[in-house]
């Protein structure tokens, strides 16, 4: 039996899950149904300071990366880079989806 665990399959699954996750968070944020603690905190900071929501989500993500590195007790560059890539793409998509969906006719 052939294994389907190649890097390309993993990357495709990663990006599909990232898109679904970001889109679901956008729906919960903009419908005021609630979301995760970090996303809700970012929305509240956005309401107070009037900046792009993606900046606050990215800031919470970077804080999370730092805390994770402290908790594992050593510097894991691969893990930190993966977490940063996810956070960067996720925060971008949180701002992209509302603009894209509002411009659909």
PDB file of N, CA and C in Angstrom:
ATOM      1  N   UNK A   1       0.836  -1.180   0.000  1.00  0.00           N
ATOM      2  CA  UNK A   1       0.000   0.000   0.000  1.00  0.00           C
ATOM      3  C   UNK A   1       0.881   1.243   0.000  1.00  0.00           C
ATOM      4  N   UNK A   2       0.546   2.205  -0.815  1.00  0.00           N
ATOM      5  CA  UNK A   2       1.332   3.433  -0.964  1.00  0.00           C
ATOM      6  C   UNK A   2       0.948   4.430   0.116  1.00  0.00           C
ATOM      7  N   UNK A   3       1.966   5.048   0.723  1.00  0.00           N
ATOM      8  CA  UNK A   3       1.713   6.055   1.744  1.00  0.00           C
ATOM      9  C   UNK A   3       1.472   7.404   1.091  1.00  0.00           C
ATOM     10  N   UNK A   4       0.440   8.109   1.517  1.00  0.00           N
ATOM     11  CA  UNK A   4       0.158   9.453   1.030  1.00  0.00           C
ATOM     12  C   UNK A   4       0.507  10.464   2.114  1.00  0.00           C
ATOM     13  N   UNK A   5       1.763  10.474   2.511  1.00  0.00           N
ATOM     14  CA  UNK A   5       2.205  11.352   3.567  1.00  0.00           C
ATOM     15  C   UNK A   5       3.359  12.227   3.092  1.00  0.00           C
ATOM     16  N   UNK A   6       3.328  12.600   1.834  1.00  0.00           N
ATOM     17  CA  UNK A   6       4.412  13.404   1.285  1.00  0.00           C
ATOM     18  C   UNK A   6       4.278  14.851   1.721  1.00  0.00           C
ATOM     19  N   UNK A   7       5.324  15.613   1.529  1.00  0.00           N
ATOM     20  CA  UNK A   7       5.320  17.023   1.911  1.00  0.00           C
ATOM     21  C   UNK A   7       4.265  17.797   1.130  1.00  0.00           C
ATOM     22  N   UNK A   8       4.090  17.490  -0.136  1.00  0.00           N
ATOM     23  CA  UNK A   8       3.100  18.217  -0.935  1.00  0.00           C
ATOM     24  C   UNK A   8       1.678  17.965  -0.420  1.00  0.00           C
ATOM     25  N   UNK A   9       1.378  16.729  -0.039  1.00  0.00           N
ATOM     26  CA  UNK A   9       0.054  16.420   0.519  1.00  0.00           C
ATOM     27  C   UNK A   9      -0.145  17.152   1.840  1.00  0.00           C
ATOM     28  N   UNK A  10       0.886  17.185   2.665  1.00  0.00           N
ATOM     29  CA  UNK A  10       0.790  17.889   3.946  1.00  0.00           C
ATOM     30  C   UNK A  10       0.582  19.380   3.756  1.00  0.00           C
ATOM     31  N   UNK A  11       1.290  19.978   2.801  1.00  0.00           N
ATOM     32  CA  UNK A  11       1.137  21.414   2.548  1.00  0.00           C
ATOM     33  C   UNK A  11      -0.246  21.745   2.007  1.00  0.00           C
ATOM     34  N   UNK A  12      -0.759  20.917   1.131  1.00  0.00           N
ATOM     35  CA  UNK A  12      -2.105  21.136   0.607  1.00  0.00           C
ATOM     36  C   UNK A  12      -3.132  21.056   1.733  1.00  0.00           C
ATOM     37  N   UNK A  13      -3.006  20.048   2.575  1.00  0.00           N
ATOM     38  CA  UNK A  13      -3.921  19.909   3.712  1.00  0.00           C
ATOM     39  C   UNK A  13      -3.784  21.087   4.669  1.00  0.00           C
ATOM     40  N   UNK A  14      -2.556  21.546   4.889  1.00  0.00           N
ATOM     41  CA  UNK A  14      -2.320  22.691   5.769  1.00  0.00           C
ATOM     42  C   UNK A  14      -3.026  23.936   5.245  1.00  0.00           C
ATOM     43  N   UNK A  15      -2.864  24.231   3.966  1.00  0.00           N
ATOM     44  CA  UNK A  15      -3.457  25.448   3.413  1.00  0.00           C
ATOM     45  C   UNK A  15      -4.985  25.355   3.349  1.00  0.00           C
ATOM     46  N   UNK A  16      -5.510  24.193   3.048  1.00  0.00           N
ATOM     47  CA  UNK A  16      -6.969  24.036   3.040  1.00  0.00           C
ATOM     48  C   UNK A  16      -7.526  24.231   4.449  1.00  0.00           C
ATOM     49  N   UNK A  17      -6.872  23.635   5.443  1.00  0.00           N
ATOM     50  CA  UNK A  17      -7.357  23.790   6.814  1.00  0.00           C
ATOM     51  C   UNK A  17      -7.192  25.218   7.307  1.00  0.00           C
ATOM     52  N   UNK A  18      -6.138  25.891   6.878  1.00  0.00           N
ATOM     53  CA  UNK A  18      -5.938  27.294   7.247  1.00  0.00           C
ATOM     54  C   UNK A  18      -7.043  28.171   6.673  1.00  0.00           C
ATOM     55  N   UNK A  19      -7.397  27.944   5.424  1.00  0.00           N
ATOM     56  CA  UNK A  19      -8.476  28.710   4.797  1.00  0.00           C
ATOM     57  C   UNK A  19      -9.806  28.477   5.499  1.00  0.00           C
ATOM     58  N   UNK A  20     -10.117  27.230   5.814  1.00  0.00           N
ATOM     59  CA  UNK A  20     -11.379  26.927   6.494  1.00  0.00           C
ATOM     60  C   UNK A  20     -11.403  27.544   7.885  1.00  0.00           C
ATOM     61  N   UNK A  21     -10.290  27.445   8.611  1.00  0.00           N
ATOM     62  CA  UNK A  21     -10.204  27.999   9.959  1.00  0.00           C
ATOM     63  C   UNK A  21     -10.361  29.520   9.938  1.00  0.00           C
ATOM     64  N   UNK A  22      -9.647  30.183   9.038  1.00  0.00           N
ATOM     65  CA  UNK A  22      -9.735  31.642   8.962  1.00  0.00           C
ATOM     66  C   UNK A  22     -11.132  32.093   8.553  1.00  0.00           C
ATOM     67  N   UNK A  23     -11.720  31.420   7.592  1.00  0.00           N
ATOM     68  CA  UNK A  23     -13.063  31.789   7.152  1.00  0.00           C
ATOM     69  C   UNK A  23     -14.079  31.599   8.272  1.00  0.00           C
ATOM     70  N   UNK A  24     -13.958  30.508   9.014  1.00  0.00           N
ATOM     71  CA  UNK A  24     -14.853  30.289  10.149  1.00  0.00           C
ATOM     72  C   UNK A  24     -14.692  31.357  11.220  1.00  0.00           C
ATOM     73  N   UNK A  25     -13.456  31.758  11.487  1.00  0.00           N
ATOM     74  CA  UNK A  25     -13.225  32.822  12.465  1.00  0.00           C
ATOM     75  C   UNK A  25     -13.779  34.152  11.982  1.00  0.00           C
ATOM     76  N   UNK A  26     -13.660  34.429  10.695  1.00  0.00           N
ATOM     77  CA  UNK A  26     -14.223  35.664  10.142  1.00  0.00           C
ATOM     78  C   UNK A  26     -15.729  35.692  10.338  1.00  0.00           C
ATOM     79  N   UNK A  27     -16.384  34.574  10.062  1.00  0.00           N
ATOM     80  CA  UNK A  27     -17.836  34.515  10.248  1.00  0.00           C
ATOM     81  C   UNK A  27     -18.229  34.757  11.697  1.00  0.00           C
ATOM     82  N   UNK A  28     -17.500  34.154  12.642  1.00  0.00           N
ATOM     83  CA  UNK A  28     -17.859  34.348  14.045  1.00  0.00           C
ATOM     84  C   UNK A  28     -17.520  35.745  14.537  1.00  0.00           C
ATOM     85  N   UNK A  29     -16.455  36.335  14.008  1.00  0.00           N
ATOM     86  CA  UNK A  29     -16.086  37.699  14.424  1.00  0.00           C
ATOM     87  C   UNK A  29     -17.116  38.705  13.934  1.00  0.00           C
ATOM     88  N   UNK A  30     -17.443  38.653  12.658  1.00  0.00           N
ATOM     89  CA  UNK A  30     -18.307  39.672  12.080  1.00  0.00           C
ATOM     90  C   UNK A  30     -19.791  39.450  12.328  1.00  0.00           C
ATOM     91  N   UNK A  31     -20.152  38.289  12.845  1.00  0.00           N
ATOM     92  CA  UNK A  31     -21.548  38.082  13.228  1.00  0.00           C
ATOM     93  C   UNK A  31     -21.740  38.234  14.735  1.00  0.00           C
ATOM     94  N   UNK A  32     -20.671  38.577  15.447  1.00  0.00           N
ATOM     95  CA  UNK A  32     -20.691  38.773  16.898  1.00  0.00           C
ATOM     96  C   UNK A  32     -21.197  37.547  17.651  1.00  0.00           C
ATOM     97  N   UNK A  33     -20.826  36.368  17.175  1.00  0.00           N
ATOM     98  CA  UNK A  33     -21.218  35.136  17.848  1.00  0.00           C
ATOM     99  C   UNK A  33     -20.164  34.639  18.822  1.00  0.00           C
ATOM    100  N   UNK A  34     -19.038  35.306  18.876  1.00  0.00           N
ATOM    101  CA  UNK A  34     -17.962  34.879  19.763  1.00  0.00           C
ATOM    102  C   UNK A  34     -16.937  34.057  19.008  1.00  0.00           C
ATOM    103  N   UNK A  35     -15.776  33.996  19.553  1.00  0.00           N
ATOM    104  CA  UNK A  35     -14.683  33.270  18.931  1.00  0.00           C
ATOM    105  C   UNK A  35     -13.726  32.843  20.030  1.00  0.00           C
ATOM    106  N   UNK A  36     -12.519  32.509  19.673  1.00  0.00           N
ATOM    107  CA  UNK A  36     -11.544  32.106  20.685  1.00  0.00           C
ATOM    108  C   UNK A  36     -11.136  33.305  21.546  1.00  0.00           C
ATOM    109  N   UNK A  37     -10.474  33.019  22.630  1.00  0.00           N
ATOM    110  CA  UNK A  37     -10.081  34.079  23.568  1.00  0.00           C
ATOM    111  C   UNK A  37      -9.155  35.089  22.895  1.00  0.00           C
ATOM    112  N   UNK A  38      -8.157  34.589  22.155  1.00  0.00           N
ATOM    113  CA  UNK A  38      -7.175  35.508  21.549  1.00  0.00           C
ATOM    114  C   UNK A  38      -7.811  36.350  20.453  1.00  0.00           C
ATOM    115  N   UNK A  39      -8.683  35.744  19.674  1.00  0.00           N
ATOM    116  CA  UNK A  39      -9.340  36.489  18.603  1.00  0.00           C
ATOM    117  C   UNK A  39     -10.283  37.536  19.188  1.00  0.00           C
ATOM    118  N   UNK A  40     -10.986  37.189  20.236  1.00  0.00           N
ATOM    119  CA  UNK A  40     -11.881  38.135  20.887  1.00  0.00           C
ATOM    120  C   UNK A  40     -11.106  39.301  21.487  1.00  0.00           C
ATOM    121  N   UNK A  41      -9.975  39.003  22.110  1.00  0.00           N
ATOM    122  CA  UNK A  41      -9.131  40.065  22.662  1.00  0.00           C
ATOM    123  C   UNK A  41      -8.619  40.974  21.552  1.00  0.00           C
ATOM    124  N   UNK A  42      -8.241  40.394  20.424  1.00  0.00           N
ATOM    125  CA  UNK A  42      -7.771  41.202  19.290  1.00  0.00           C
ATOM    126  C   UNK A  42      -8.890  42.085  18.746  1.00  0.00           C
ATOM    127  N   UNK A  43     -10.108  41.564  18.680  1.00  0.00           N
ATOM    128  CA  UNK A  43     -11.256  42.355  18.219  1.00  0.00           C
ATOM    129  C   UNK A  43     -11.507  43.516  19.176  1.00  0.00           C
ATOM    130  N   UNK A  44     -11.425  43.259  20.478  1.00  0.00           N
ATOM    131  CA  UNK A  44     -11.635  44.328  21.457  1.00  0.00           C
ATOM    132  C   UNK A  44     -10.555  45.402  21.353  1.00  0.00           C
ATOM    133  N   UNK A  45      -9.297  44.998  21.173  1.00  0.00           N
ATOM    134  CA  UNK A  45      -8.229  45.987  20.977  1.00  0.00           C
ATOM    135  C   UNK A  45      -8.441  46.776  19.686  1.00  0.00           C
ATOM    136  N   UNK A  46      -8.929  46.102  18.671  1.00  0.00           N
ATOM    137  CA  UNK A  46      -9.221  46.776  17.409  1.00  0.00           C
ATOM    138  C   UNK A  46     -10.318  47.818  17.593  1.00  0.00           C
ATOM    139  N   UNK A  47     -11.325  47.506  18.391  1.00  0.00           N
ATOM    140  CA  UNK A  47     -12.401  48.460  18.663  1.00  0.00           C
ATOM    141  C   UNK A  47     -11.901  49.674  19.436  1.00  0.00           C
ATOM    142  N   UNK A  48     -10.946  49.455  20.338  1.00  0.00           N
ATOM    143  CA  UNK A  48     -10.426  50.550  21.157  1.00  0.00           C
ATOM    144  C   UNK A  48      -9.450  51.424  20.375  1.00  0.00           C
ATOM    145  N   UNK A  49      -8.482  50.797  19.710  1.00  0.00           N
ATOM    146  CA  UNK A  49      -7.390  51.552  19.086  1.00  0.00           C
ATOM    147  C   UNK A  49      -7.548  51.773  17.587  1.00  0.00           C
ATOM    148  N   UNK A  50      -8.552  51.201  16.972  1.00  0.00           N
ATOM    149  CA  UNK A  50      -8.885  51.433  15.553  1.00  0.00           C
ATOM    150  C   UNK A  50      -7.722  51.172  14.599  1.00  0.00           C
ATOM    151  N   UNK A  51      -7.197  49.982  14.639  1.00  0.00           N
ATOM    152  CA  UNK A  51      -6.157  49.584  13.696  1.00  0.00           C
ATOM    153  C   UNK A  51      -6.619  48.364  12.929  1.00  0.00           C
ATOM    154  N   UNK A  52      -5.790  47.863  12.030  1.00  0.00           N
ATOM    155  CA  UNK A  52      -6.165  46.632  11.325  1.00  0.00           C
ATOM    156  C   UNK A  52      -6.237  45.453  12.293  1.00  0.00           C
ATOM    157  N   UNK A  53      -7.266  44.663  12.180  1.00  0.00           N
ATOM    158  CA  UNK A  53      -7.448  43.513  13.061  1.00  0.00           C
ATOM    159  C   UNK A  53      -6.289  42.533  12.922  1.00  0.00           C
ATOM    160  N   UNK A  54      -5.742  42.417  11.733  1.00  0.00           N
ATOM    161  CA  UNK A  54      -4.655  41.464  11.506  1.00  0.00           C
ATOM    162  C   UNK A  54      -3.414  41.790  12.339  1.00  0.00           C
ATOM    163  N   UNK A  55      -3.172  43.067  12.614  1.00  0.00           N
ATOM    164  CA  UNK A  55      -2.011  43.454  13.420  1.00  0.00           C
ATOM    165  C   UNK A  55      -2.155  42.921  14.843  1.00  0.00           C
ATOM    166  N   UNK A  56      -3.329  43.022  15.416  1.00  0.00           N
ATOM    167  CA  UNK A  56      -3.548  42.551  16.780  1.00  0.00           C
ATOM    168  C   UNK A  56      -3.490  41.027  16.852  1.00  0.00           C
ATOM    169  N   UNK A  57      -4.037  40.356  15.859  1.00  0.00           N
ATOM    170  CA  UNK A  57      -3.960  38.898  15.838  1.00  0.00           C
ATOM    171  C   UNK A  57      -2.514  38.447  15.668  1.00  0.00           C
ATOM    172  N   UNK A  58      -1.760  39.147  14.819  1.00  0.00           N
ATOM    173  CA  UNK A  58      -0.347  38.831  14.642  1.00  0.00           C
ATOM    174  C   UNK A  58       0.432  39.066  15.936  1.00  0.00           C
ATOM    175  N   UNK A  59       0.127  40.137  16.650  1.00  0.00           N
ATOM    176  CA  UNK A  59       0.812  40.422  17.912  1.00  0.00           C
ATOM    177  C   UNK A  59       0.534  39.326  18.945  1.00  0.00           C
ATOM    178  N   UNK A  60      -0.718  38.878  19.048  1.00  0.00           N
ATOM    179  CA  UNK A  60      -1.034  37.780  19.962  1.00  0.00           C
ATOM    180  C   UNK A  60      -0.341  36.495  19.531  1.00  0.00           C
ATOM    181  N   UNK A  61      -0.242  36.277  18.230  1.00  0.00           N
ATOM    182  CA  UNK A  61       0.458  35.089  17.737  1.00  0.00           C
ATOM    183  C   UNK A  61       1.932  35.098  18.080  1.00  0.00           C
ATOM    184  N   UNK A  62       2.579  36.249  17.935  1.00  0.00           N
ATOM    185  CA  UNK A  62       4.000  36.362  18.279  1.00  0.00           C
ATOM    186  C   UNK A  62       4.189  36.167  19.784  1.00  0.00           C
ATOM    187  N   UNK A  63       3.293  36.736  20.578  1.00  0.00           N
ATOM    188  CA  UNK A  63       3.343  36.514  22.023  1.00  0.00           C
ATOM    189  C   UNK A  63       3.218  35.027  22.340  1.00  0.00           C
ATOM    190  N   UNK A  64       2.324  34.343  21.651  1.00  0.00           N
ATOM    191  CA  UNK A  64       2.127  32.913  21.840  1.00  0.00           C
ATOM    192  C   UNK A  64       3.380  32.121  21.462  1.00  0.00           C
ATOM    193  N   UNK A  65       4.048  32.512  20.391  1.00  0.00           N
ATOM    194  CA  UNK A  65       5.283  31.843  19.973  1.00  0.00           C
ATOM    195  C   UNK A  65       6.346  31.980  21.058  1.00  0.00           C
ATOM    196  N   UNK A  66       6.489  33.168  21.600  1.00  0.00           N
ATOM    197  CA  UNK A  66       7.483  33.405  22.650  1.00  0.00           C
ATOM    198  C   UNK A  66       7.179  32.568  23.889  1.00  0.00           C
ATOM    199  N   UNK A  67       5.918  32.560  24.301  1.00  0.00           N
ATOM    200  CA  UNK A  67       5.530  31.771  25.476  1.00  0.00           C
ATOM    201  C   UNK A  67       5.760  30.287  25.229  1.00  0.00           C
ATOM    202  N   UNK A  68       5.446  29.797  24.036  1.00  0.00           N
ATOM    203  CA  UNK A  68       5.678  28.385  23.719  1.00  0.00           C
ATOM    204  C   UNK A  68       7.155  28.031  23.807  1.00  0.00           C
ATOM    205  N   UNK A  69       8.018  28.904  23.305  1.00  0.00           N
ATOM    206  CA  UNK A  69       9.463  28.645  23.359  1.00  0.00           C
ATOM    207  C   UNK A  69       9.961  28.613  24.803  1.00  0.00           C
ATOM    208  N   UNK A  70       9.419  29.482  25.640  1.00  0.00           N
ATOM    209  CA  UNK A  70       9.795  29.483  27.059  1.00  0.00           C
ATOM    210  C   UNK A  70       9.314  28.202  27.735  1.00  0.00           C
ATOM    211  N   UNK A  71       8.091  27.783  27.425  1.00  0.00           N
ATOM    212  CA  UNK A  71       7.523  26.598  28.079  1.00  0.00           C
ATOM    213  C   UNK A  71       8.218  25.306  27.678  1.00  0.00           C
ATOM    214  N   UNK A  72       8.703  25.191  26.442  1.00  0.00           N
ATOM    215  CA  UNK A  72       9.403  23.956  26.061  1.00  0.00           C
ATOM    216  C   UNK A  72      10.833  23.941  26.584  1.00  0.00           C
ATOM    217  N   UNK A  73      11.342  25.072  27.046  1.00  0.00           N
ATOM    218  CA  UNK A  73      12.630  25.114  27.719  1.00  0.00           C
ATOM    219  C   UNK A  73      13.847  25.228  26.828  1.00  0.00           C
ATOM    220  N   UNK A  74      13.657  25.307  25.544  1.00  0.00           N
ATOM    221  CA  UNK A  74      14.775  25.516  24.622  1.00  0.00           C
ATOM    222  C   UNK A  74      14.250  26.187  23.352  1.00  0.00           C
ATOM    223  N   UNK A  75      15.165  26.705  22.561  1.00  0.00           N
ATOM    224  CA  UNK A  75      14.782  27.406  21.340  1.00  0.00           C
ATOM    225  C   UNK A  75      14.662  26.410  20.195  1.00  0.00           C
ATOM    226  N   UNK A  76      13.455  26.227  19.711  1.00  0.00           N
ATOM    227  CA  UNK A  76      13.173  25.317  18.605  1.00  0.00           C
ATOM    228  C   UNK A  76      12.816  26.168  17.385  1.00  0.00           C
ATOM    229  N   UNK A  77      13.800  26.388  16.525  1.00  0.00           N
ATOM    230  CA  UNK A  77      13.623  27.281  15.377  1.00  0.00           C
ATOM    231  C   UNK A  77      12.563  26.767  14.405  1.00  0.00           C
ATOM    232  N   UNK A  78      12.537  25.469  14.185  1.00  0.00           N
ATOM    233  CA  UNK A  78      11.576  24.901  13.226  1.00  0.00           C
ATOM    234  C   UNK A  78      10.143  25.120  13.722  1.00  0.00           C
ATOM    235  N   UNK A  79       9.911  24.833  14.984  1.00  0.00           N
ATOM    236  CA  UNK A  79       8.582  25.029  15.560  1.00  0.00           C
ATOM    237  C   UNK A  79       8.190  26.506  15.526  1.00  0.00           C
ATOM    238  N   UNK A  80       9.112  27.372  15.928  1.00  0.00           N
ATOM    239  CA  UNK A  80       8.832  28.810  15.958  1.00  0.00           C
ATOM    240  C   UNK A  80       8.550  29.334  14.548  1.00  0.00           C
ATOM    241  N   UNK A  81       9.304  28.872  13.573  1.00  0.00           N
ATOM    242  CA  UNK A  81       9.092  29.311  12.190  1.00  0.00           C
ATOM    243  C   UNK A  81       7.739  28.831  11.667  1.00  0.00           C
ATOM    244  N   UNK A  82       7.373  27.595  11.984  1.00  0.00           N
ATOM    245  CA  UNK A  82       6.065  27.075  11.570  1.00  0.00           C
ATOM    246  C   UNK A  82       4.922  27.826  12.219  1.00  0.00           C
ATOM    247  N   UNK A  83       5.061  28.122  13.508  1.00  0.00           N
ATOM    248  CA  UNK A  83       4.022  28.881  14.201  1.00  0.00           C
ATOM    249  C   UNK A  83       3.914  30.296  13.636  1.00  0.00           C
ATOM    250  N   UNK A  84       5.063  30.898  13.317  1.00  0.00           N
ATOM    251  CA  UNK A  84       5.029  32.247  12.757  1.00  0.00           C
ATOM    252  C   UNK A  84       4.386  32.256  11.370  1.00  0.00           C
ATOM    253  N   UNK A  85       4.711  31.272  10.550  1.00  0.00           N
ATOM    254  CA  UNK A  85       4.105  31.193   9.211  1.00  0.00           C
ATOM    255  C   UNK A  85       2.596  31.043   9.316  1.00  0.00           C
ATOM    256  N   UNK A  86       2.140  30.180  10.214  1.00  0.00           N
ATOM    257  CA  UNK A  86       0.704  29.999  10.404  1.00  0.00           C
ATOM    258  C   UNK A  86       0.056  31.299  10.874  1.00  0.00           C
ATOM    259  N   UNK A  87       0.665  31.945  11.877  1.00  0.00           N
ATOM    260  CA  UNK A  87       0.110  33.178  12.435  1.00  0.00           C
ATOM    261  C   UNK A  87       0.067  34.282  11.396  1.00  0.00           C
ATOM    262  N   UNK A  88       1.117  34.397  10.612  1.00  0.00           N
ATOM    263  CA  UNK A  88       1.177  35.438   9.579  1.00  0.00           C
ATOM    264  C   UNK A  88       0.080  35.229   8.533  1.00  0.00           C
ATOM    265  N   UNK A  89      -0.042  34.008   8.042  1.00  0.00           N
ATOM    266  CA  UNK A  89      -1.077  33.726   7.040  1.00  0.00           C
ATOM    267  C   UNK A  89      -2.482  33.878   7.625  1.00  0.00           C
ATOM    268  N   UNK A  90      -2.682  33.384   8.836  1.00  0.00           N
ATOM    269  CA  UNK A  90      -3.988  33.472   9.480  1.00  0.00           C
ATOM    270  C   UNK A  90      -4.401  34.930   9.685  1.00  0.00           C
ATOM    271  N   UNK A  91      -3.478  35.756  10.181  1.00  0.00           N
ATOM    272  CA  UNK A  91      -3.820  37.159  10.426  1.00  0.00           C
ATOM    273  C   UNK A  91      -4.103  37.890   9.115  1.00  0.00           C
ATOM    274  N   UNK A  92      -3.388  37.545   8.053  1.00  0.00           N
ATOM    275  CA  UNK A  92      -3.663  38.150   6.749  1.00  0.00           C
ATOM    276  C   UNK A  92      -5.060  37.748   6.251  1.00  0.00           C
ATOM    277  N   UNK A  93      -5.386  36.477   6.373  1.00  0.00           N
ATOM    278  CA  UNK A  93      -6.677  35.994   5.877  1.00  0.00           C
ATOM    279  C   UNK A  93      -7.851  36.566   6.659  1.00  0.00           C
ATOM    280  N   UNK A  94      -7.646  36.867   7.947  1.00  0.00           N
ATOM    281  CA  UNK A  94      -8.711  37.468   8.746  1.00  0.00           C
ATOM    282  C   UNK A  94      -9.106  38.832   8.175  1.00  0.00           C
ATOM    283  N   UNK A  95      -8.153  39.563   7.616  1.00  0.00           N
ATOM    284  CA  UNK A  95      -8.477  40.842   6.972  1.00  0.00           C
ATOM    285  C   UNK A  95      -8.884  40.671   5.508  1.00  0.00           C
ATOM    286  N   UNK A  96      -8.388  39.630   4.859  1.00  0.00           N
ATOM    287  CA  UNK A  96      -8.673  39.432   3.438  1.00  0.00           C
ATOM    288  C   UNK A  96     -10.113  38.992   3.198  1.00  0.00           C
ATOM    289  N   UNK A  97     -10.592  38.008   3.947  1.00  0.00           N
ATOM    290  CA  UNK A  97     -11.910  37.438   3.690  1.00  0.00           C
ATOM    291  C   UNK A  97     -13.054  38.447   3.766  1.00  0.00           C
ATOM    292  N   UNK A  98     -13.118  39.306   4.785  1.00  0.00           N
ATOM    293  CA  UNK A  98     -14.239  40.265   4.803  1.00  0.00           C
ATOM    294  C   UNK A  98     -14.237  41.196   3.596  1.00  0.00           C
ATOM    295  N   UNK A  99     -13.067  41.678   3.214  1.00  0.00           N
ATOM    296  CA  UNK A  99     -12.992  42.559   2.040  1.00  0.00           C
ATOM    297  C   UNK A  99     -13.412  41.808   0.779  1.00  0.00           C
ATOM    298  N   UNK A 100     -12.959  40.578   0.641  1.00  0.00           N
ATOM    299  CA  UNK A 100     -13.297  39.786  -0.540  1.00  0.00           C
ATOM    300  C   UNK A 100     -14.793  39.473  -0.578  1.00  0.00           C
ATOM    301  N   UNK A 101     -15.338  39.043   0.549  1.00  0.00           N
ATOM    302  CA  UNK A 101     -16.750  38.649   0.568  1.00  0.00           C
ATOM    303  C   UNK A 101     -17.680  39.854   0.397  1.00  0.00           C
ATOM    304  N   UNK A 102     -17.284  41.009   0.896  1.00  0.00           N
ATOM    305  CA  UNK A 102     -18.129  42.200   0.750  1.00  0.00           C
ATOM    306  C   UNK A 102     -18.131  42.726  -0.681  1.00  0.00           C
ATOM    307  N   UNK A 103     -17.095  42.399  -1.453  1.00  0.00           N
ATOM    308  CA  UNK A 103     -17.017  42.885  -2.829  1.00  0.00           C
ATOM    309  C   UNK A 103     -17.656  41.928  -3.828  1.00  0.00           C
ATOM    310  N   UNK A 104     -18.181  40.796  -3.365  1.00  0.00           N
ATOM    311  CA  UNK A 104     -18.883  39.896  -4.262  1.00  0.00           C
ATOM    312  C   UNK A 104     -20.255  40.473  -4.611  1.00  0.00           C
ATOM    313  N   UNK A 105     -20.625  40.345  -5.814  1.00  0.00           N
ATOM    314  CA  UNK A 105     -21.944  40.848  -6.240  1.00  0.00           C
ATOM    315  C   UNK A 105     -22.935  39.738  -6.384  1.00  0.00           C
TER     316      UNK A 105
END
